[in-house]
Amino acid sequence: MSAEATPHVSSHAELRFLQRTGLIEVSPDAAWRAGTPVTVDGYDYNQARYDPILDVVLLARDGIVTTVLKAAYTDFTEANQ
């Protein structure tokens, strides 16, 4: 998957996105595209993105966004590009 590609979003991630943001008018896909690459310790993933406007971190594994974390409670760092 290229760096610009938006991964598929699992139903679990869709639920977590709604729980973490409280928004139905914004999609996890949009948050992924708006997000910046980050690294997060303690999770099994290939790619992660941070959306500062929504304050969420989205984790993807093998082309699928698998979960969404509340950034305020997550230790992450900007990924080296």
Protein backbone atom coordinates (compact mmCIF):
# COMPACT_ATOMS: atom_id res chain seq x y z
CA MET A 1 0.00 0.00 0.00
CA SER A 2 1.39 3.38 -0.92
CA ALA A 3 1.81 6.10 1.68
CA GLU A 4 -1.05 8.05 0.05
CA ALA A 5 -3.49 5.14 -0.04
CA THR A 6 -6.33 5.17 2.45
CA PRO A 7 -6.72 1.78 4.12
CA HIS A 8 -10.07 0.01 4.45
CA VAL A 9 -11.72 0.74 7.82
CA SER A 10 -12.89 -2.19 9.95
CA SER A 11 -16.26 -2.10 11.68
CA HIS A 12 -14.43 -2.10 15.02
CA ALA A 13 -12.46 1.00 13.98
CA GLU A 14 -15.65 2.70 12.77
CA LEU A 15 -17.23 2.11 16.19
CA ARG A 16 -14.13 3.34 18.04
CA PHE A 17 -13.96 6.41 15.80
CA LEU A 18 -17.54 7.31 16.66
CA GLN A 19 -16.89 6.70 20.37
CA ARG A 20 -13.66 8.73 20.38
CA THR A 21 -14.89 11.68 18.30
CA GLY A 22 -18.65 11.71 18.82
CA LEU A 23 -19.00 12.73 15.18
CA ILE A 24 -21.07 11.04 12.50
CA GLU A 25 -20.43 13.68 9.84
CA VAL A 26 -16.69 12.90 9.62
CA SER A 27 -15.34 9.55 8.48
CA PRO A 28 -12.29 7.62 9.63
CA ASP A 29 -11.12 7.80 5.99
CA ALA A 30 -11.10 11.58 6.14
CA ALA A 31 -9.22 11.53 9.45
CA TRP A 32 -6.65 9.15 7.92
CA ARG A 33 -6.11 11.42 4.92
CA ALA A 34 -5.83 14.51 7.16
CA GLY A 35 -3.55 12.78 9.62
CA THR A 36 0.22 12.77 9.87
CA PRO A 37 2.28 9.58 10.22
CA VAL A 38 3.20 8.68 13.80
CA THR A 39 4.67 5.78 15.75
CA VAL A 40 2.92 4.29 18.77
CA ASP A 41 4.45 1.86 21.25
CA GLY A 42 2.62 -1.23 22.46
CA TYR A 43 0.34 -1.89 19.47
CA ASP A 44 0.51 -4.30 16.53
CA TYR A 45 0.23 -2.14 13.40
CA ASN A 46 2.00 -1.23 10.13
CA GLN A 47 0.89 2.39 9.82
CA ALA A 48 -0.49 5.00 12.19
CA ARG A 49 -1.85 8.50 11.63
CA TYR A 50 -2.62 11.32 14.03
CA ASP A 51 -5.41 13.80 13.29
CA PRO A 52 -4.85 16.82 15.57
CA ILE A 53 -8.23 18.39 14.81
CA LEU A 54 -10.14 15.30 16.00
CA ASP A 55 -7.46 14.32 18.56
CA VAL A 56 -7.36 10.68 17.43
CA VAL A 57 -4.69 8.20 16.37
CA LEU A 58 -5.73 5.63 13.77
CA LEU A 59 -3.83 2.34 13.59
CA ALA A 60 -3.72 0.21 10.43
CA ARG A 61 -2.46 -3.32 9.86
CA ASP A 62 -2.17 -4.94 6.44
CA GLY A 63 -4.24 -2.27 4.70
CA ILE A 64 -7.03 -2.11 7.30
CA VAL A 65 -7.58 0.52 9.97
CA THR A 66 -8.07 -1.75 12.97
CA THR A 67 -8.68 0.70 15.82
CA VAL A 68 -8.86 4.35 16.79
CA LEU A 69 -7.27 5.74 19.96
CA LYS A 70 -7.90 9.00 21.79
CA ALA A 71 -4.66 10.92 21.21
CA ALA A 72 -4.80 12.66 24.58
CA TYR A 73 -4.35 9.27 26.28
CA THR A 74 -1.85 7.78 23.79
CA ASP A 75 1.93 8.11 23.77
CA PHE A 76 3.03 8.66 20.17
CA THR A 77 5.78 10.42 18.25
CA GLU A 78 5.98 11.81 14.75
CA ALA A 79 7.25 9.19 12.34
CA ASN A 80 10.47 9.77 10.43
CA GLN A 81 9.60 10.42 6.80
